[in-house]
Amino acid sequence: MRNKRLIVSIIITLLLSSCVRDLEMPYDTFRELRTYDTDLEEMLREGTEDWLQGNLDLKPYQADFLNKVLVPALAEELKWGLPMEVMTAQAILESGWGRSKLAKEYHNYFGIKEYRKGMQGADYYSDEYVKGKRVSRKSKFRTYESAELCFVDRSEWFLANSRYADLDFRELDCYEFAKELQQRGYATDINYTKNLLRIIEEYKLNEFSNWIKRSL
């Protein structure tokens, strides 16, 4: 176990050193420069495989999805403080464990809409809550070439959003951040935070987060 922890620590250090960026860098330029080393990503997934198998009873598609998103979620928290438990729970909830059409075709795991001028997107219908009633609306959503780019853009979205400008993400645990999302009108579903916390608890995302961080 000690050797595995050392390996994980080295991997994450190398991973983060390849992901340093300037917040002022334009999105398109950053998208071209920002890369993940797939070999390191695979090694990190292997380093957490024992924990997942020993602590969770997962269906194959759930295990595959966690292996796909845990590395980007962890990297983004270590860089910016956004709790990986919430990011992972959001990805699970918004994409149906990566099985939604938007997730499968365009790696959009958060239902991020495309509001930027001049940027192409994909048109999909999504469910929203209006005055407590669920309605289906057609909107344009962002598209990504990989899960990693989706998580990077997720961080940029939070960092650039004035609604969260007064928050120090590093000072919030996953439970506090999930509640802030609800209070600041992130989702139209009044049970959004409740659903996130249920996923965090049911799939022991907080336990996993604590375990992997102790390995650093």
N, C-alpha and C. Protein backbone atom coordinates (compact mmCIF):
# COMPACT_ATOMS: atom_id res chain seq x y z
N MET A 1 0.83 -1.20 0.00
CA MET A 1 0.00 0.00 0.00
C MET A 1 0.87 1.25 0.00
N ARG A 2 2.00 1.22 0.77
CA ARG A 2 2.88 2.38 0.82
C ARG A 2 3.46 2.68 -0.54
N ASN A 3 3.84 1.61 -1.29
CA ASN A 3 4.38 1.82 -2.63
C ASN A 3 3.33 2.41 -3.56
N LYS A 4 2.08 1.92 -3.41
CA LYS A 4 1.00 2.45 -4.25
C LYS A 4 0.78 3.93 -3.98
N ARG A 5 0.84 4.31 -2.69
CA ARG A 5 0.64 5.71 -2.34
C ARG A 5 1.74 6.57 -2.92
N LEU A 6 2.97 6.07 -2.90
CA LEU A 6 4.09 6.82 -3.46
C LEU A 6 3.91 6.99 -4.95
N ILE A 7 3.48 5.93 -5.62
CA ILE A 7 3.26 5.99 -7.07
C ILE A 7 2.20 7.01 -7.41
N VAL A 8 1.08 6.98 -6.64
CA VAL A 8 -0.01 7.92 -6.89
C VAL A 8 0.47 9.35 -6.70
N SER A 9 1.26 9.58 -5.64
CA SER A 9 1.78 10.93 -5.37
C SER A 9 2.64 11.43 -6.52
N ILE A 10 3.52 10.57 -7.03
CA ILE A 10 4.40 10.96 -8.13
C ILE A 10 3.57 11.25 -9.38
N ILE A 11 2.59 10.39 -9.64
CA ILE A 11 1.76 10.55 -10.84
C ILE A 11 1.03 11.88 -10.82
N ILE A 12 0.41 12.21 -9.68
CA ILE A 12 -0.37 13.44 -9.60
C ILE A 12 0.54 14.65 -9.71
N THR A 13 1.74 14.58 -9.12
CA THR A 13 2.68 15.68 -9.23
C THR A 13 3.05 15.94 -10.69
N LEU A 14 3.33 14.86 -11.43
CA LEU A 14 3.65 15.00 -12.84
C LEU A 14 2.47 15.49 -13.64
N LEU A 15 1.30 14.98 -13.30
CA LEU A 15 0.07 15.37 -13.99
C LEU A 15 -0.19 16.85 -13.85
N LEU A 16 -0.06 17.36 -12.62
CA LEU A 16 -0.34 18.76 -12.38
C LEU A 16 0.72 19.66 -13.02
N SER A 17 1.96 19.19 -13.06
CA SER A 17 3.01 20.01 -13.65
C SER A 17 2.79 20.22 -15.13
N SER A 18 2.04 19.31 -15.76
CA SER A 18 1.76 19.44 -17.19
C SER A 18 0.50 20.23 -17.45
N CYS A 19 -0.19 20.68 -16.37
CA CYS A 19 -1.51 21.31 -16.54
C CYS A 19 -1.55 22.75 -16.07
N VAL A 20 -0.38 23.35 -15.80
CA VAL A 20 -0.37 24.72 -15.31
C VAL A 20 -0.86 25.65 -16.41
N ARG A 21 -1.70 26.64 -16.05
CA ARG A 21 -2.22 27.54 -17.06
C ARG A 21 -2.36 28.94 -16.48
N ASP A 22 -2.54 29.89 -17.35
CA ASP A 22 -2.82 31.27 -16.98
C ASP A 22 -4.31 31.50 -17.16
N LEU A 23 -4.99 31.99 -16.13
CA LEU A 23 -6.43 32.20 -16.22
C LEU A 23 -6.79 33.18 -17.32
N GLU A 24 -5.86 34.05 -17.73
CA GLU A 24 -6.14 35.03 -18.76
C GLU A 24 -6.00 34.45 -20.17
N MET A 25 -5.50 33.23 -20.29
CA MET A 25 -5.29 32.64 -21.60
C MET A 25 -6.63 32.36 -22.27
N PRO A 26 -6.82 32.77 -23.52
CA PRO A 26 -8.08 32.52 -24.21
C PRO A 26 -8.41 31.04 -24.26
N TYR A 27 -9.70 30.73 -24.27
CA TYR A 27 -10.15 29.34 -24.20
C TYR A 27 -9.58 28.50 -25.33
N ASP A 28 -9.66 28.99 -26.57
CA ASP A 28 -9.22 28.18 -27.70
C ASP A 28 -7.73 27.88 -27.63
N THR A 29 -6.93 28.90 -27.28
CA THR A 29 -5.49 28.68 -27.16
C THR A 29 -5.18 27.69 -26.06
N PHE A 30 -5.86 27.87 -24.92
CA PHE A 30 -5.63 26.96 -23.80
C PHE A 30 -6.04 25.54 -24.16
N ARG A 31 -7.13 25.41 -24.90
CA ARG A 31 -7.62 24.09 -25.28
C ARG A 31 -6.60 23.35 -26.13
N GLU A 32 -5.86 24.10 -26.94
CA GLU A 32 -4.84 23.47 -27.78
C GLU A 32 -3.62 23.04 -26.96
N LEU A 33 -3.30 23.83 -25.93
CA LEU A 33 -2.11 23.56 -25.14
C LEU A 33 -2.34 22.54 -24.04
N ARG A 34 -3.57 22.50 -23.52
CA ARG A 34 -3.86 21.70 -22.33
C ARG A 34 -4.00 20.23 -22.70
N THR A 35 -3.14 19.37 -22.16
CA THR A 35 -3.21 17.94 -22.45
C THR A 35 -3.02 17.14 -21.18
N TYR A 36 -3.54 15.92 -21.20
CA TYR A 36 -3.30 14.95 -20.14
C TYR A 36 -2.47 13.82 -20.71
N ASP A 37 -1.58 13.31 -19.94
CA ASP A 37 -0.80 12.15 -20.34
C ASP A 37 -1.64 10.91 -20.07
N THR A 38 -2.05 10.22 -21.13
CA THR A 38 -2.96 9.09 -20.97
C THR A 38 -2.31 7.94 -20.21
N ASP A 39 -0.98 7.80 -20.32
CA ASP A 39 -0.30 6.74 -19.57
C ASP A 39 -0.39 7.01 -18.08
N LEU A 40 -0.20 8.27 -17.66
CA LEU A 40 -0.31 8.62 -16.26
C LEU A 40 -1.75 8.44 -15.78
N GLU A 41 -2.68 8.80 -16.62
CA GLU A 41 -4.08 8.65 -16.26
C GLU A 41 -4.42 7.19 -16.00
N GLU A 42 -3.91 6.33 -16.86
CA GLU A 42 -4.17 4.90 -16.70
C GLU A 42 -3.52 4.37 -15.43
N MET A 43 -2.32 4.81 -15.12
CA MET A 43 -1.64 4.37 -13.90
C MET A 43 -2.40 4.82 -12.66
N LEU A 44 -2.95 6.05 -12.71
CA LEU A 44 -3.70 6.54 -11.57
C LEU A 44 -4.99 5.75 -11.37
N ARG A 45 -5.64 5.40 -12.46
CA ARG A 45 -6.85 4.58 -12.34
C ARG A 45 -6.51 3.22 -11.72
N GLU A 46 -5.39 2.66 -12.12
CA GLU A 46 -4.99 1.38 -11.55
C GLU A 46 -4.67 1.53 -10.07
N GLY A 47 -4.11 2.70 -9.70
CA GLY A 47 -3.77 2.92 -8.30
C GLY A 47 -4.99 3.02 -7.40
N THR A 48 -6.15 3.38 -7.96
CA THR A 48 -7.38 3.49 -7.17
C THR A 48 -8.31 2.31 -7.36
N GLU A 49 -7.97 1.42 -8.26
CA GLU A 49 -8.85 0.29 -8.57
C GLU A 49 -9.11 -0.59 -7.35
N ASP A 50 -8.08 -0.85 -6.56
CA ASP A 50 -8.25 -1.69 -5.37
C ASP A 50 -9.23 -1.06 -4.39
N TRP A 51 -9.13 0.26 -4.24
CA TRP A 51 -10.04 0.94 -3.30
C TRP A 51 -11.48 0.83 -3.78
N LEU A 52 -11.70 1.07 -5.03
CA LEU A 52 -13.06 1.01 -5.58
C LEU A 52 -13.65 -0.38 -5.44
N GLN A 53 -12.86 -1.37 -5.78
CA GLN A 53 -13.36 -2.75 -5.70
C GLN A 53 -13.59 -3.18 -4.26
N GLY A 54 -12.77 -2.67 -3.36
CA GLY A 54 -12.89 -3.10 -1.97
C GLY A 54 -13.95 -2.36 -1.18
N ASN A 55 -14.43 -1.22 -1.71
CA ASN A 55 -15.36 -0.41 -0.94
C ASN A 55 -16.71 -0.18 -1.60
N LEU A 56 -16.82 -0.48 -2.88
CA LEU A 56 -18.07 -0.23 -3.59
C LEU A 56 -18.49 -1.44 -4.41
N ASP A 57 -19.79 -1.66 -4.45
CA ASP A 57 -20.35 -2.72 -5.30
C ASP A 57 -20.91 -2.04 -6.55
N LEU A 58 -20.07 -1.90 -7.56
CA LEU A 58 -20.41 -1.13 -8.74
C LEU A 58 -20.77 -2.01 -9.93
N LYS A 59 -21.68 -1.50 -10.74
CA LYS A 59 -21.96 -2.13 -12.02
C LYS A 59 -20.82 -1.76 -12.97
N PRO A 60 -20.59 -2.55 -14.00
CA PRO A 60 -19.46 -2.27 -14.90
C PRO A 60 -19.47 -0.86 -15.47
N TYR A 61 -20.63 -0.35 -15.88
CA TYR A 61 -20.65 0.99 -16.48
C TYR A 61 -20.36 2.06 -15.43
N GLN A 62 -20.69 1.78 -14.16
CA GLN A 62 -20.38 2.74 -13.10
C GLN A 62 -18.89 2.77 -12.81
N ALA A 63 -18.28 1.60 -12.76
CA ALA A 63 -16.83 1.54 -12.53
C ALA A 63 -16.08 2.20 -13.67
N ASP A 64 -16.51 1.95 -14.90
CA ASP A 64 -15.86 2.57 -16.05
C ASP A 64 -15.96 4.09 -15.99
N PHE A 65 -17.13 4.58 -15.59
CA PHE A 65 -17.33 6.03 -15.54
C PHE A 65 -16.46 6.66 -14.46
N LEU A 66 -16.41 6.05 -13.28
CA LEU A 66 -15.57 6.59 -12.22
C LEU A 66 -14.11 6.61 -12.63
N ASN A 67 -13.66 5.57 -13.30
CA ASN A 67 -12.28 5.55 -13.76
C ASN A 67 -12.02 6.65 -14.79
N LYS A 68 -13.05 7.05 -15.50
CA LYS A 68 -12.90 8.09 -16.52
C LYS A 68 -12.87 9.49 -15.91
N VAL A 69 -13.64 9.72 -14.85
CA VAL A 69 -13.80 11.10 -14.37
C VAL A 69 -13.04 11.42 -13.09
N LEU A 70 -12.60 10.43 -12.32
CA LEU A 70 -11.95 10.72 -11.05
C LEU A 70 -10.62 11.44 -11.23
N VAL A 71 -9.87 11.09 -12.25
CA VAL A 71 -8.58 11.76 -12.48
C VAL A 71 -8.78 13.24 -12.81
N PRO A 72 -9.62 13.58 -13.78
CA PRO A 72 -9.85 15.01 -14.04
C PRO A 72 -10.43 15.74 -12.84
N ALA A 73 -11.36 15.11 -12.11
CA ALA A 73 -11.96 15.77 -10.94
C ALA A 73 -10.92 16.06 -9.87
N LEU A 74 -10.04 15.11 -9.61
CA LEU A 74 -8.99 15.31 -8.62
C LEU A 74 -8.02 16.40 -9.05
N ALA A 75 -7.61 16.38 -10.31
CA ALA A 75 -6.66 17.38 -10.81
C ALA A 75 -7.22 18.79 -10.69
N GLU A 76 -8.52 18.94 -10.99
CA GLU A 76 -9.12 20.28 -10.92
C GLU A 76 -9.26 20.76 -9.47
N GLU A 77 -9.53 19.84 -8.54
CA GLU A 77 -9.58 20.27 -7.14
C GLU A 77 -8.22 20.69 -6.64
N LEU A 78 -7.20 19.93 -6.98
CA LEU A 78 -5.86 20.26 -6.50
C LEU A 78 -5.39 21.60 -7.06
N LYS A 79 -5.86 21.96 -8.24
CA LYS A 79 -5.47 23.24 -8.83
C LYS A 79 -6.29 24.41 -8.31
N TRP A 80 -7.62 24.21 -8.18
CA TRP A 80 -8.50 25.34 -7.92
C TRP A 80 -9.36 25.20 -6.67
N GLY A 81 -9.39 24.04 -6.07
CA GLY A 81 -10.13 23.87 -4.83
C GLY A 81 -11.56 23.41 -4.98
N LEU A 82 -12.04 23.24 -6.20
CA LEU A 82 -13.41 22.77 -6.42
C LEU A 82 -13.52 21.32 -5.94
N PRO A 83 -14.36 21.04 -4.95
CA PRO A 83 -14.41 19.70 -4.36
C PRO A 83 -14.69 18.60 -5.39
N MET A 84 -13.78 17.65 -5.46
CA MET A 84 -13.93 16.60 -6.46
C MET A 84 -15.16 15.74 -6.21
N GLU A 85 -15.60 15.63 -4.95
CA GLU A 85 -16.80 14.84 -4.65
C GLU A 85 -18.02 15.44 -5.33
N VAL A 86 -18.12 16.77 -5.29
CA VAL A 86 -19.27 17.44 -5.91
C VAL A 86 -19.16 17.37 -7.42
N MET A 87 -17.96 17.61 -7.95
CA MET A 87 -17.77 17.55 -9.40
C MET A 87 -18.13 16.17 -9.93
N THR A 88 -17.71 15.13 -9.21
CA THR A 88 -18.01 13.77 -9.64
C THR A 88 -19.49 13.47 -9.51
N ALA A 89 -20.09 13.89 -8.41
CA ALA A 89 -21.53 13.66 -8.21
C ALA A 89 -22.34 14.39 -9.27
N GLN A 90 -21.94 15.60 -9.62
CA GLN A 90 -22.63 16.34 -10.67
C GLN A 90 -22.53 15.62 -12.00
N ALA A 91 -21.35 15.12 -12.31
CA ALA A 91 -21.16 14.40 -13.57
C ALA A 91 -22.05 13.15 -13.61
N ILE A 92 -22.14 12.44 -12.48
CA ILE A 92 -22.99 11.26 -12.40
C ILE A 92 -24.45 11.63 -12.61
N LEU A 93 -24.88 12.66 -11.90
CA LEU A 93 -26.28 13.07 -11.93
C LEU A 93 -26.66 13.64 -13.29
N GLU A 94 -25.84 14.55 -13.82
CA GLU A 94 -26.19 15.25 -15.05
C GLU A 94 -26.11 14.36 -16.29
N SER A 95 -25.24 13.37 -16.26
CA SER A 95 -25.03 12.55 -17.46
C SER A 95 -25.59 11.13 -17.34
N GLY A 96 -26.17 10.81 -16.18
CA GLY A 96 -26.65 9.44 -16.01
C GLY A 96 -25.52 8.43 -16.10
N TRP A 97 -24.45 8.71 -15.35
CA TRP A 97 -23.24 7.86 -15.37
C TRP A 97 -22.62 7.80 -16.77
N GLY A 98 -22.68 8.94 -17.48
CA GLY A 98 -22.05 9.01 -18.79
C GLY A 98 -22.83 8.35 -19.90
N ARG A 99 -24.07 8.02 -19.64
CA ARG A 99 -24.87 7.29 -20.64
C ARG A 99 -25.81 8.19 -21.43
N SER A 100 -25.88 9.48 -21.10
CA SER A 100 -26.72 10.37 -21.88
C SER A 100 -26.10 10.57 -23.26
N LYS A 101 -26.92 10.96 -24.21
CA LYS A 101 -26.44 11.15 -25.58
C LYS A 101 -25.41 12.26 -25.64
N LEU A 102 -25.65 13.34 -24.89
CA LEU A 102 -24.71 14.46 -24.85
C LEU A 102 -23.36 14.04 -24.30
N ALA A 103 -23.39 13.17 -23.29
CA ALA A 103 -22.13 12.70 -22.69
C ALA A 103 -21.40 11.74 -23.62
N LYS A 104 -22.14 10.82 -24.21
CA LYS A 104 -21.51 9.81 -25.06
C LYS A 104 -20.94 10.41 -26.35
N GLU A 105 -21.64 11.38 -26.92
CA GLU A 105 -21.21 11.92 -28.21
C GLU A 105 -20.26 13.10 -28.08
N TYR A 106 -20.40 13.88 -26.99
CA TYR A 106 -19.63 15.12 -26.90
C TYR A 106 -18.90 15.31 -25.57
N HIS A 107 -18.84 14.30 -24.73
CA HIS A 107 -18.10 14.38 -23.46
C HIS A 107 -18.58 15.53 -22.58
N ASN A 108 -19.83 15.92 -22.71
CA ASN A 108 -20.39 16.96 -21.84
C ASN A 108 -21.12 16.25 -20.71
N TYR A 109 -20.49 16.19 -19.55
CA TYR A 109 -21.03 15.43 -18.41
C TYR A 109 -21.82 16.31 -17.44
N PHE A 110 -21.85 17.62 -17.71
CA PHE A 110 -22.50 18.53 -16.77
C PHE A 110 -23.69 19.28 -17.37
N GLY A 111 -24.03 18.98 -18.59
CA GLY A 111 -25.11 19.71 -19.23
C GLY A 111 -24.78 21.18 -19.37
N ILE A 112 -23.51 21.51 -19.65
CA ILE A 112 -23.07 22.89 -19.77
C ILE A 112 -23.60 23.47 -21.09
N LYS A 113 -24.35 24.55 -21.00
CA LYS A 113 -24.91 25.17 -22.18
C LYS A 113 -23.90 26.11 -22.84
N GLU A 114 -24.07 26.30 -24.14
CA GLU A 114 -23.16 27.14 -24.91
C GLU A 114 -23.75 28.53 -25.09
N TYR A 115 -23.23 29.48 -24.30
CA TYR A 115 -23.70 30.85 -24.39
C TYR A 115 -22.69 31.77 -25.07
N ARG A 116 -21.51 31.27 -25.34
CA ARG A 116 -20.46 32.11 -25.91
C ARG A 116 -20.72 32.39 -27.39
N LYS A 117 -20.57 33.63 -27.79
CA LYS A 117 -20.81 34.01 -29.17
C LYS A 117 -19.74 33.42 -30.08
N GLY A 118 -20.16 32.95 -31.23
CA GLY A 118 -19.23 32.43 -32.22
C GLY A 118 -18.78 31.01 -31.97
N MET A 119 -19.26 30.37 -30.90
CA MET A 119 -18.87 29.00 -30.59
C MET A 119 -19.98 28.04 -31.02
N GLN A 120 -19.58 26.98 -31.66
CA GLN A 120 -20.56 25.97 -32.07
C GLN A 120 -20.95 25.10 -30.89
N GLY A 121 -22.11 24.51 -30.98
CA GLY A 121 -22.58 23.62 -29.92
C GLY A 121 -23.49 22.56 -30.50
N ALA A 122 -24.05 21.76 -29.64
CA ALA A 122 -24.97 20.69 -30.06
C ALA A 122 -26.35 20.97 -29.48
N ASP A 123 -27.36 20.88 -30.32
CA ASP A 123 -28.74 21.15 -29.89
C ASP A 123 -29.36 19.89 -29.30
N TYR A 124 -29.84 20.03 -28.06
CA TYR A 124 -30.49 18.92 -27.37
C TYR A 124 -31.66 19.45 -26.55
N TYR A 125 -32.59 18.55 -26.28
CA TYR A 125 -33.67 18.87 -25.34
C TYR A 125 -33.23 18.45 -23.95
N SER A 126 -33.52 19.28 -22.97
CA SER A 126 -33.18 18.97 -21.58
C SER A 126 -34.36 19.32 -20.69
N ASP A 127 -34.42 18.65 -19.54
CA ASP A 127 -35.50 18.91 -18.59
C ASP A 127 -35.10 20.01 -17.62
N GLU A 128 -35.99 20.95 -17.40
CA GLU A 128 -35.79 22.02 -16.43
C GLU A 128 -37.06 22.16 -15.60
N TYR A 129 -36.89 22.82 -14.46
CA TYR A 129 -38.04 23.02 -13.57
C TYR A 129 -38.45 24.50 -13.60
N VAL A 130 -39.70 24.74 -13.96
CA VAL A 130 -40.26 26.08 -14.01
C VAL A 130 -41.46 26.13 -13.07
N LYS A 131 -41.35 26.92 -12.02
CA LYS A 131 -42.40 27.02 -11.01
C LYS A 131 -42.78 25.64 -10.46
N GLY A 132 -41.74 24.81 -10.25
CA GLY A 132 -41.97 23.50 -9.66
C GLY A 132 -42.38 22.42 -10.62
N LYS A 133 -42.57 22.77 -11.90
CA LYS A 133 -43.00 21.77 -12.89
C LYS A 133 -41.86 21.48 -13.86
N ARG A 134 -41.70 20.21 -14.21
CA ARG A 134 -40.63 19.83 -15.12
C ARG A 134 -41.07 20.02 -16.57
N VAL A 135 -40.26 20.76 -17.32
CA VAL A 135 -40.56 21.01 -18.73
C VAL A 135 -39.33 20.65 -19.56
N SER A 136 -39.56 20.32 -20.82
CA SER A 136 -38.47 19.98 -21.73
C SER A 136 -38.23 21.13 -22.68
N ARG A 137 -36.97 21.59 -22.77
CA ARG A 137 -36.63 22.71 -23.62
C ARG A 137 -35.42 22.38 -24.48
N LYS A 138 -35.41 22.95 -25.68
CA LYS A 138 -34.29 22.74 -26.58
C LYS A 138 -33.25 23.83 -26.36
N SER A 139 -32.01 23.44 -26.16
CA SER A 139 -30.94 24.39 -25.91
C SER A 139 -29.68 23.95 -26.63
N LYS A 140 -28.71 24.87 -26.75
CA LYS A 140 -27.42 24.54 -27.35
C LYS A 140 -26.43 24.26 -26.22
N PHE A 141 -25.74 23.12 -26.33
CA PHE A 141 -24.81 22.70 -25.29
C PHE A 141 -23.38 22.66 -25.82
N ARG A 142 -22.43 22.86 -24.93
CA ARG A 142 -21.03 22.83 -25.29
C ARG A 142 -20.59 21.40 -25.64
N THR A 143 -19.61 21.30 -26.50
CA THR A 143 -19.07 20.01 -26.90
C THR A 143 -17.58 19.96 -26.58
N TYR A 144 -17.07 18.76 -26.26
CA TYR A 144 -15.67 18.59 -25.88
C TYR A 144 -15.09 17.37 -26.58
N GLU A 145 -13.79 17.40 -26.69
CA GLU A 145 -13.08 16.30 -27.33
C GLU A 145 -12.71 15.20 -26.36
N SER A 146 -12.80 15.49 -25.05
CA SER A 146 -12.42 14.50 -24.05
C SER A 146 -13.05 14.86 -22.72
N ALA A 147 -13.04 13.90 -21.80
CA ALA A 147 -13.55 14.15 -20.45
C ALA A 147 -12.69 15.19 -19.75
N GLU A 148 -11.37 15.16 -19.97
CA GLU A 148 -10.48 16.09 -19.32
C GLU A 148 -10.81 17.54 -19.68
N LEU A 149 -11.06 17.81 -20.95
CA LEU A 149 -11.39 19.16 -21.38
C LEU A 149 -12.72 19.62 -20.82
N CYS A 150 -13.64 18.69 -20.64
CA CYS A 150 -14.92 19.03 -20.03
C CYS A 150 -14.72 19.51 -18.60
N PHE A 151 -13.89 18.81 -17.83
CA PHE A 151 -13.65 19.19 -16.44
C PHE A 151 -12.87 20.50 -16.35
N VAL A 152 -11.94 20.72 -17.27
CA VAL A 152 -11.20 21.97 -17.29
C VAL A 152 -12.16 23.13 -17.53
N ASP A 153 -13.04 22.97 -18.49
CA ASP A 153 -14.00 24.03 -18.78
C ASP A 153 -14.96 24.23 -17.62
N ARG A 154 -15.25 23.15 -16.91
CA ARG A 154 -16.11 23.25 -15.74
C ARG A 154 -15.49 24.17 -14.69
N SER A 155 -14.19 24.00 -14.46
CA SER A 155 -13.50 24.86 -13.51
C SER A 155 -13.52 26.31 -13.98
N GLU A 156 -13.24 26.52 -15.26
CA GLU A 156 -13.23 27.88 -15.80
C GLU A 156 -14.60 28.54 -15.64
N TRP A 157 -15.65 27.75 -15.83
CA TRP A 157 -17.01 28.28 -15.71
C TRP A 157 -17.25 28.80 -14.30
N PHE A 158 -16.87 28.02 -13.30
CA PHE A 158 -17.06 28.46 -11.91
C PHE A 158 -16.18 29.65 -11.57
N LEU A 159 -14.93 29.63 -12.02
CA LEU A 159 -13.99 30.69 -11.69
C LEU A 159 -14.37 32.02 -12.33
N ALA A 160 -15.02 31.96 -13.48
CA ALA A 160 -15.37 33.18 -14.21
C ALA A 160 -16.77 33.67 -13.89
N ASN A 161 -17.57 32.88 -13.17
CA ASN A 161 -18.96 33.22 -12.91
C ASN A 161 -19.07 34.16 -11.70
N SER A 162 -19.62 35.33 -11.92
CA SER A 162 -19.73 36.33 -10.85
C SER A 162 -20.58 35.84 -9.68
N ARG A 163 -21.44 34.88 -9.94
CA ARG A 163 -22.31 34.34 -8.89
C ARG A 163 -21.50 33.69 -7.78
N TYR A 164 -20.29 33.22 -8.12
CA TYR A 164 -19.46 32.52 -7.13
C TYR A 164 -18.18 33.28 -6.83
N ALA A 165 -18.12 34.56 -7.23
CA ALA A 165 -16.88 35.33 -7.11
C ALA A 165 -16.42 35.50 -5.67
N ASP A 166 -17.35 35.52 -4.73
CA ASP A 166 -16.98 35.74 -3.33
C ASP A 166 -16.62 34.46 -2.60
N LEU A 167 -16.70 33.33 -3.28
CA LEU A 167 -16.40 32.05 -2.64
C LEU A 167 -14.93 31.69 -2.77
N ASP A 168 -14.36 31.21 -1.69
CA ASP A 168 -13.04 30.62 -1.72
C ASP A 168 -13.25 29.12 -1.71
N PHE A 169 -13.16 28.51 -2.89
CA PHE A 169 -13.49 27.10 -3.01
C PHE A 169 -12.64 26.22 -2.10
N ARG A 170 -11.41 26.65 -1.83
CA ARG A 170 -10.53 25.84 -0.99
C ARG A 170 -10.97 25.82 0.46
N GLU A 171 -11.83 26.76 0.84
CA GLU A 171 -12.31 26.82 2.21
C GLU A 171 -13.60 26.03 2.41
N LEU A 172 -14.15 25.46 1.35
CA LEU A 172 -15.42 24.74 1.42
C LEU A 172 -15.21 23.24 1.29
N ASP A 173 -15.87 22.47 2.16
CA ASP A 173 -15.87 21.03 1.94
C ASP A 173 -16.99 20.70 0.96
N CYS A 174 -17.11 19.44 0.60
CA CYS A 174 -18.06 19.07 -0.44
C CYS A 174 -19.50 19.34 -0.03
N TYR A 175 -19.82 19.20 1.26
CA TYR A 175 -21.18 19.41 1.73
C TYR A 175 -21.54 20.90 1.69
N GLU A 176 -20.60 21.74 2.09
CA GLU A 176 -20.83 23.18 2.06
C GLU A 176 -20.98 23.69 0.63
N PHE A 177 -20.14 23.18 -0.25
CA PHE A 177 -20.20 23.62 -1.64
C PHE A 177 -21.51 23.19 -2.30
N ALA A 178 -21.95 21.97 -2.03
CA ALA A 178 -23.22 21.49 -2.60
C ALA A 178 -24.38 22.37 -2.14
N LYS A 179 -24.35 22.80 -0.90
CA LYS A 179 -25.41 23.68 -0.38
C LYS A 179 -25.34 25.06 -1.01
N GLU A 180 -24.12 25.55 -1.24
CA GLU A 180 -23.96 26.86 -1.88
C GLU A 180 -24.56 26.85 -3.29
N LEU A 181 -24.41 25.74 -3.99
CA LEU A 181 -24.96 25.63 -5.34
C LEU A 181 -26.47 25.85 -5.32
N GLN A 182 -27.14 25.22 -4.37
CA GLN A 182 -28.59 25.35 -4.26
C GLN A 182 -28.98 26.78 -3.89
N GLN A 183 -28.27 27.35 -2.93
CA GLN A 183 -28.60 28.68 -2.44
C GLN A 183 -28.36 29.76 -3.49
N ARG A 184 -27.41 29.52 -4.37
CA ARG A 184 -27.07 30.52 -5.39
C ARG A 184 -27.76 30.28 -6.72
N GLY A 185 -28.74 29.39 -6.71
CA GLY A 185 -29.57 29.19 -7.89
C GLY A 185 -28.91 28.45 -9.03
N TYR A 186 -27.99 27.54 -8.70
CA TYR A 186 -27.31 26.80 -9.76
C TYR A 186 -28.29 25.98 -10.60
N ALA A 187 -29.21 25.29 -9.95
CA ALA A 187 -30.14 24.40 -10.66
C ALA A 187 -31.58 24.79 -10.34
N THR A 188 -32.46 24.48 -11.29
CA THR A 188 -33.88 24.78 -11.07
C THR A 188 -34.56 23.71 -10.24
N ASP A 189 -33.94 22.55 -10.11
CA ASP A 189 -34.50 21.46 -9.30
C ASP A 189 -34.29 21.77 -7.82
N ILE A 190 -35.37 21.86 -7.06
CA ILE A 190 -35.25 22.21 -5.64
C ILE A 190 -34.57 21.09 -4.84
N ASN A 191 -34.47 19.91 -5.41
CA ASN A 191 -33.83 18.78 -4.72
C ASN A 191 -32.42 18.53 -5.24
N TYR A 192 -31.85 19.48 -5.95
CA TYR A 192 -30.55 19.26 -6.59
C TYR A 192 -29.47 18.93 -5.58
N THR A 193 -29.32 19.76 -4.56
CA THR A 193 -28.29 19.51 -3.55
C THR A 193 -28.55 18.20 -2.82
N LYS A 194 -29.79 17.94 -2.51
CA LYS A 194 -30.15 16.69 -1.84
C LYS A 194 -29.72 15.50 -2.67
N ASN A 195 -29.90 15.57 -3.97
CA ASN A 195 -29.51 14.47 -4.86
C ASN A 195 -28.00 14.33 -4.93
N LEU A 196 -27.29 15.46 -4.94
CA LEU A 196 -25.83 15.40 -4.95
C LEU A 196 -25.29 14.74 -3.69
N LEU A 197 -25.82 15.14 -2.54
CA LEU A 197 -25.35 14.58 -1.27
C LEU A 197 -25.68 13.10 -1.16
N ARG A 198 -26.80 12.70 -1.72
CA ARG A 198 -27.16 11.28 -1.73
C ARG A 198 -26.13 10.48 -2.52
N ILE A 199 -25.74 10.99 -3.67
CA ILE A 199 -24.75 10.31 -4.50
C ILE A 199 -23.39 10.26 -3.80
N ILE A 200 -22.99 11.36 -3.18
CA ILE A 200 -21.72 11.41 -2.46
C ILE A 200 -21.68 10.37 -1.36
N GLU A 201 -22.78 10.24 -0.62
CA GLU A 201 -22.84 9.28 0.47
C GLU A 201 -22.93 7.85 -0.05
N GLU A 202 -23.82 7.63 -1.01
CA GLU A 202 -24.06 6.26 -1.49
C GLU A 202 -22.82 5.65 -2.13
N TYR A 203 -22.06 6.47 -2.84
CA TYR A 203 -20.88 5.94 -3.54
C TYR A 203 -19.58 6.34 -2.85
N LYS A 204 -19.69 6.77 -1.60
CA LYS A 204 -18.53 7.00 -0.74
C LYS A 204 -17.47 7.90 -1.39
N LEU A 205 -17.93 8.91 -2.11
CA LEU A 205 -17.00 9.79 -2.80
C LEU A 205 -16.13 10.58 -1.82
N ASN A 206 -16.69 10.91 -0.67
CA ASN A 206 -15.91 11.63 0.33
C ASN A 206 -14.82 10.73 0.92
N GLU A 207 -15.16 9.47 1.15
CA GLU A 207 -14.17 8.53 1.66
C GLU A 207 -13.04 8.34 0.65
N PHE A 208 -13.41 8.22 -0.62
CA PHE A 208 -12.39 8.06 -1.64
C PHE A 208 -11.49 9.30 -1.71
N SER A 209 -12.11 10.49 -1.65
CA SER A 209 -11.35 11.72 -1.71
C SER A 209 -10.34 11.80 -0.56
N ASN A 210 -10.78 11.46 0.64
CA ASN A 210 -9.89 11.49 1.80
C ASN A 210 -8.76 10.48 1.64
N TRP A 211 -9.08 9.32 1.10
CA TRP A 211 -8.06 8.27 0.93
C TRP A 211 -6.99 8.70 -0.06
N ILE A 212 -7.42 9.21 -1.22
CA ILE A 212 -6.45 9.55 -2.25
C ILE A 212 -5.59 10.74 -1.84
N LYS A 213 -6.17 11.67 -1.08
CA LYS A 213 -5.41 12.84 -0.65
C LYS A 213 -4.38 12.47 0.42
N ARG A 214 -4.68 11.45 1.20
CA ARG A 214 -3.69 10.98 2.19
C ARG A 214 -2.49 10.35 1.49
N SER A 215 -2.67 9.99 0.22
CA SER A 215 -1.59 9.37 -0.52
C SER A 215 -0.63 10.39 -1.11
N LEU A 216 -1.00 11.66 -1.06
CA LEU A 216 -0.17 12.70 -1.68
C LEU A 216 1.04 13.06 -0.82
